[in-house]
Amino acid sequence: MQAPAVAVLAALLLAALLVAACGAEVTRTIESARQFADGVASNADPPVPTPDQPATVGASLESPEAQTLMVSLRELRVAARRSDVEYDRRDWRHWIDADRDCQDTRAEVLIAESMAPVSFAPDDDGDKCRVIAGQWVGPWTGEVFTDASDVDIDHHVPLGHAHLSGGWRWSPERKRAYANDLAEPVSLQATSAPVNRSKGKNPPDEWRPDEFASWCRYAADWITVKEQWDMTVISVEVSALEEMLSTCDDARSWGLSGPPAR
């Protein structure tokens, strides 16, 4: 074969090899891009929930009640826990006798939540003022109490926490109304004294009931009170409440004692 012909053939072979190599590289590039896109899609942030499609955490929230609670939680205002004034429990006056029937707020809650008729301390005038006995079921432990002295009336969202969640700005009248709130049934709850004192003023990101069966109702009540009184939340508090709400599709998680009596 003559030299020019050899050169032409070599050039043609080189071009063919280059074309094949480019084709393989293009194929690899396309496949890499597809895999990358799939990875981005799988790791992308989930869509922002809307009232029609609430976000879920953990297990799917199937019950309408849990879905509604999740929407309410997402609508609470997020702001730092703070106060420009020092908390003073005396600013949140309780217990008062709002309707002047001699039964103060504590007595009203004990009467409303007792599972049996209550007994009152003897009174020379025959008035029924101070509750001394009844039957109460601790919402977070399932314990049954018959002696009123074993029961605390718990501010479900504690006064000290309410103070840091915007309550420090409230007027004395509004603070007093919150501290004696009988309009919202879950604001005040007859609770085991040791449990109430263990909880203190801690929010759900710092304290929650030991019993798993109490988590859903505890979170539900917390969200209800915060929504009712327009209190703020912080992100870790929201996360803790989301975790507790994720138990709501388990029928056992709505509380050892069931819903409040009133």
Protein backbone atom coordinates (compact mmCIF):
# COMPACT_ATOMS: atom_id res chain seq x y z
CA MET A 1 0.00 0.00 0.00
CA GLN A 2 1.29 3.42 -0.87
CA ALA A 3 2.23 5.85 1.94
CA PRO A 4 -0.57 8.38 1.21
CA ALA A 5 -3.16 5.60 1.33
CA VAL A 6 -1.77 4.35 4.63
CA ALA A 7 -1.96 7.84 6.09
CA VAL A 8 -5.57 8.26 4.97
CA LEU A 9 -6.55 4.88 6.45
CA ALA A 10 -4.85 5.73 9.76
CA ALA A 11 -6.68 9.04 9.92
CA LEU A 12 -10.01 7.33 9.28
CA LEU A 13 -9.35 4.74 12.01
CA LEU A 14 -8.36 7.49 14.49
CA ALA A 15 -11.54 9.43 13.73
CA ALA A 16 -13.67 6.33 14.26
CA LEU A 17 -12.03 5.66 17.60
CA LEU A 18 -12.60 9.27 18.69
CA VAL A 19 -16.25 9.11 17.70
CA ALA A 20 -16.73 5.87 19.67
CA ALA A 21 -14.95 7.29 22.70
CA CYS A 22 -17.06 10.46 22.60
CA GLY A 23 -20.20 8.42 22.30
CA ALA A 24 -19.30 6.35 25.34
CA GLU A 25 -18.42 9.50 27.28
CA VAL A 26 -21.73 11.12 26.36
CA THR A 27 -23.56 7.99 27.50
CA ARG A 28 -21.68 8.02 30.79
CA THR A 29 -22.34 11.73 31.23
CA ILE A 30 -26.07 11.31 30.65
CA GLU A 31 -26.24 8.39 33.09
CA SER A 32 -24.29 10.35 35.72
CA ALA A 33 -26.60 13.31 35.31
CA ARG A 34 -29.66 11.09 35.70
CA GLN A 35 -28.28 9.52 38.87
CA PHE A 36 -27.37 12.94 40.26
CA ALA A 37 -30.87 14.26 39.54
CA ASP A 38 -32.42 11.23 41.23
CA GLY A 39 -30.22 11.81 44.26
CA VAL A 40 -31.15 15.48 44.47
CA ALA A 41 -34.84 14.60 44.23
CA SER A 42 -34.59 11.98 46.97
CA ASN A 43 -32.74 14.36 49.32
CA ALA A 44 -34.78 17.44 48.56
CA ASP A 45 -36.71 19.19 51.31
CA PRO A 46 -40.31 17.97 51.59
CA PRO A 47 -43.00 20.31 50.31
CA VAL A 48 -44.27 22.91 52.75
CA PRO A 49 -47.46 21.55 54.34
CA THR A 50 -50.76 23.28 53.74
CA PRO A 51 -53.95 23.08 55.78
CA ASP A 52 -55.26 20.57 53.22
CA GLN A 53 -52.21 18.34 53.58
CA PRO A 54 -50.57 18.59 57.03
CA ALA A 55 -46.99 17.50 57.52
CA THR A 56 -46.38 14.26 59.36
CA VAL A 57 -43.60 13.04 61.58
CA GLY A 58 -42.82 9.37 61.96
CA ALA A 59 -45.98 7.39 61.43
CA SER A 60 -48.61 8.70 59.06
CA LEU A 61 -51.19 10.84 60.80
CA GLU A 62 -54.44 9.26 59.78
CA SER A 63 -56.83 10.57 62.42
CA PRO A 64 -58.55 13.87 61.58
CA GLU A 65 -57.87 15.10 65.12
CA ALA A 66 -54.12 14.59 64.75
CA GLN A 67 -54.08 16.28 61.35
CA THR A 68 -55.94 19.28 62.74
CA LEU A 69 -53.49 19.52 65.62
CA MET A 70 -50.53 19.42 63.26
CA VAL A 71 -51.99 22.32 61.28
CA SER A 72 -52.56 24.29 64.49
CA LEU A 73 -49.00 23.61 65.60
CA ARG A 74 -47.60 24.89 62.30
CA GLU A 75 -49.62 28.08 62.67
CA LEU A 76 -48.21 29.02 66.09
CA ARG A 77 -45.84 31.97 66.03
CA VAL A 78 -42.16 31.07 66.40
CA ALA A 79 -40.19 33.47 68.58
CA ALA A 80 -37.43 33.30 71.16
CA ARG A 81 -38.32 32.54 74.76
CA ARG A 82 -37.59 35.82 76.43
CA SER A 83 -38.84 38.47 78.78
CA ASP A 84 -38.01 42.09 79.43
CA VAL A 85 -39.25 41.76 83.01
CA GLU A 86 -38.51 39.18 85.69
CA TYR A 87 -41.14 36.52 86.28
CA ASP A 88 -43.08 36.95 89.53
CA ARG A 89 -45.69 34.31 90.28
CA ARG A 90 -47.62 36.85 92.34
CA ASP A 91 -48.41 38.74 89.13
CA TRP A 92 -50.49 35.74 88.02
CA ARG A 93 -53.08 35.85 90.79
CA HIS A 94 -54.86 32.58 91.60
CA TRP A 95 -57.00 30.99 92.89
CA ILE A 96 -59.93 33.40 92.67
CA ASP A 97 -63.68 33.02 93.12
CA ALA A 98 -64.83 34.62 89.87
CA ASP A 99 -68.55 33.84 90.25
CA ARG A 100 -68.59 34.50 94.03
CA ASP A 101 -70.16 31.19 94.96
CA CYS A 102 -67.42 30.58 97.60
CA GLN A 103 -65.77 27.93 95.39
CA ASP A 104 -62.47 29.19 94.05
CA THR A 105 -60.86 28.06 90.78
CA ARG A 106 -59.20 25.05 92.40
CA ALA A 107 -62.53 23.84 93.79
CA GLU A 108 -64.27 24.42 90.45
CA VAL A 109 -61.73 22.22 88.63
CA LEU A 110 -61.91 19.49 91.29
CA ILE A 111 -65.70 19.43 91.02
CA ALA A 112 -65.69 19.43 87.20
CA GLU A 113 -63.09 16.68 86.81
CA SER A 114 -64.14 14.33 89.58
CA MET A 115 -65.45 10.99 88.34
CA ALA A 116 -67.69 10.72 91.42
CA PRO A 117 -69.65 13.18 93.58
CA VAL A 118 -67.30 15.31 95.66
CA SER A 119 -67.35 15.93 99.40
CA PHE A 120 -66.78 19.29 101.02
CA ALA A 121 -65.19 20.38 104.26
CA PRO A 122 -67.77 20.99 106.99
CA ASP A 123 -68.94 24.56 107.14
CA ASP A 124 -70.97 26.15 109.92
CA ASP A 125 -73.05 28.06 107.40
CA GLY A 126 -73.75 25.01 105.25
CA ASP A 127 -71.80 26.42 102.31
CA LYS A 128 -70.03 23.97 100.01
CA CYS A 129 -66.72 25.68 99.41
CA ARG A 130 -63.61 23.54 99.91
CA VAL A 131 -63.46 20.14 98.20
CA ILE A 132 -61.86 17.42 100.32
CA ALA A 133 -62.76 14.16 98.52
CA GLY A 134 -63.85 12.81 95.16
CA GLN A 135 -62.34 10.59 92.47
CA TRP A 136 -59.74 11.90 90.06
CA VAL A 137 -57.65 10.04 87.49
CA GLY A 138 -54.19 11.44 86.85
CA PRO A 139 -54.11 12.16 83.09
CA TRP A 140 -50.41 11.31 82.73
CA THR A 141 -50.10 8.36 85.11
CA GLY A 142 -53.55 6.76 85.26
CA GLU A 143 -53.44 6.85 89.07
CA VAL A 144 -56.76 7.24 90.88
CA PHE A 145 -57.00 9.70 93.78
CA THR A 146 -59.82 10.15 96.28
CA ASP A 147 -58.19 12.62 98.68
CA ALA A 148 -58.15 16.13 97.25
CA SER A 149 -54.96 16.93 99.14
CA ASP A 150 -53.12 14.47 96.86
CA VAL A 151 -54.14 16.42 93.77
CA ASP A 152 -52.64 19.58 92.29
CA ILE A 153 -54.39 21.80 89.79
CA ASP A 154 -51.84 22.01 87.01
CA HIS A 155 -51.57 24.92 84.61
CA HIS A 156 -50.95 22.71 81.59
CA VAL A 157 -48.81 25.44 80.04
CA PRO A 158 -47.12 26.57 83.26
CA LEU A 159 -47.31 30.18 84.36
CA GLY A 160 -43.53 30.62 84.22
CA HIS A 161 -43.44 29.25 80.68
CA ALA A 162 -46.42 31.36 79.61
CA HIS A 163 -44.47 34.37 80.87
CA LEU A 164 -41.57 33.55 78.52
CA SER A 165 -43.92 32.79 75.62
CA GLY A 166 -45.28 36.32 75.34
CA GLY A 167 -47.23 36.47 78.60
CA TRP A 168 -44.84 38.94 80.18
CA ARG A 169 -46.44 41.61 77.99
CA TRP A 170 -49.96 40.86 79.23
CA SER A 171 -51.96 43.16 81.45
CA PRO A 172 -52.58 42.12 85.09
CA GLU A 173 -56.17 41.34 84.13
CA ARG A 174 -55.15 39.00 81.33
CA LYS A 175 -52.59 37.24 83.53
CA ARG A 176 -55.24 36.69 86.18
CA ALA A 177 -57.69 35.40 83.56
CA TYR A 178 -55.10 32.92 82.26
CA ALA A 179 -54.17 31.74 85.75
CA ASN A 180 -57.85 30.96 86.44
CA ASP A 181 -58.97 29.84 82.98
CA LEU A 182 -62.12 27.75 83.32
CA ALA A 183 -63.30 28.48 79.78
CA GLU A 184 -60.72 26.21 78.12
CA PRO A 185 -61.07 22.78 79.77
CA VAL A 186 -57.47 21.71 79.20
CA SER A 187 -55.88 24.85 80.63
CA LEU A 188 -56.26 23.59 84.19
CA GLN A 189 -56.13 19.89 85.06
CA ALA A 190 -56.36 17.87 88.25
CA THR A 191 -53.00 16.12 88.33
CA SER A 192 -50.89 14.01 90.66
CA ALA A 193 -49.02 16.38 92.94
CA PRO A 194 -45.60 14.67 92.44
CA VAL A 195 -46.01 14.69 88.65
CA ASN A 196 -47.01 18.35 88.62
CA ARG A 197 -44.02 19.32 90.73
CA SER A 198 -41.68 17.21 88.61
CA LYS A 199 -42.88 19.02 85.52
CA GLY A 200 -42.48 22.46 87.10
CA LYS A 201 -42.45 25.12 84.40
CA ASN A 202 -40.73 22.91 81.82
CA PRO A 203 -42.02 22.77 78.22
CA PRO A 204 -42.29 19.53 76.17
CA ASP A 205 -38.72 19.84 74.89
CA GLU A 206 -37.55 19.54 78.51
CA TRP A 207 -40.23 17.39 80.13
CA ARG A 208 -42.92 14.95 79.01
CA PRO A 209 -44.93 12.20 80.75
CA ASP A 210 -43.10 8.93 81.31
CA GLU A 211 -46.07 7.01 79.93
CA PHE A 212 -46.07 6.75 76.12
CA ALA A 213 -49.85 6.44 76.29
CA SER A 214 -50.06 10.06 77.47
CA TRP A 215 -47.99 11.72 74.77
CA CYS A 216 -50.66 12.47 72.19
CA ARG A 217 -53.09 14.05 74.61
CA TYR A 218 -50.29 15.96 76.35
CA ALA A 219 -49.17 17.50 73.05
CA ALA A 220 -52.76 18.11 71.97
CA ASP A 221 -53.57 19.99 75.16
CA TRP A 222 -50.34 22.01 74.97
CA ILE A 223 -51.06 23.12 71.40
CA THR A 224 -54.69 23.93 72.27
CA VAL A 225 -53.72 26.22 75.15
CA LYS A 226 -50.95 27.96 73.22
CA GLU A 227 -53.29 28.57 70.30
CA GLN A 228 -56.11 29.79 72.54
CA TRP A 229 -53.88 32.30 74.32
CA ASP A 230 -51.74 33.26 71.32
CA MET A 231 -48.45 32.15 72.87
CA THR A 232 -45.23 31.66 70.96
CA VAL A 233 -43.12 28.52 70.47
CA ILE A 234 -39.49 27.82 69.64
CA SER A 235 -38.20 25.33 67.08
CA VAL A 236 -37.10 22.61 69.53
CA GLU A 237 -40.48 22.84 71.24
CA VAL A 238 -42.19 22.33 67.88
CA SER A 239 -39.99 19.30 67.16
CA ALA A 240 -40.85 17.75 70.52
CA LEU A 241 -44.56 18.30 69.93
CA GLU A 242 -44.30 16.82 66.42
CA GLU A 243 -42.67 13.72 67.87
CA MET A 244 -45.44 13.37 70.43
CA LEU A 245 -48.14 13.94 67.80
CA SER A 246 -46.65 11.15 65.71
CA THR A 247 -48.04 8.73 68.32
CA CYS A 248 -51.64 9.89 67.82
CA ASP A 249 -52.61 7.13 65.39
CA ASP A 250 -52.05 4.64 68.21
CA ALA A 251 -55.40 4.47 70.03
CA ARG A 252 -53.55 4.08 73.33
CA SER A 253 -51.80 7.44 73.00
CA TRP A 254 -54.81 9.66 73.70
CA GLY A 255 -54.36 9.31 77.44
CA LEU A 256 -54.61 6.81 80.21
CA SER A 257 -57.68 8.57 81.63
CA GLY A 258 -59.35 9.51 78.37
CA PRO A 259 -60.58 13.04 77.68
CA PRO A 260 -61.16 15.46 80.56
CA ALA A 261 -64.45 14.94 82.38
CA ARG A 262 -65.89 18.34 81.49
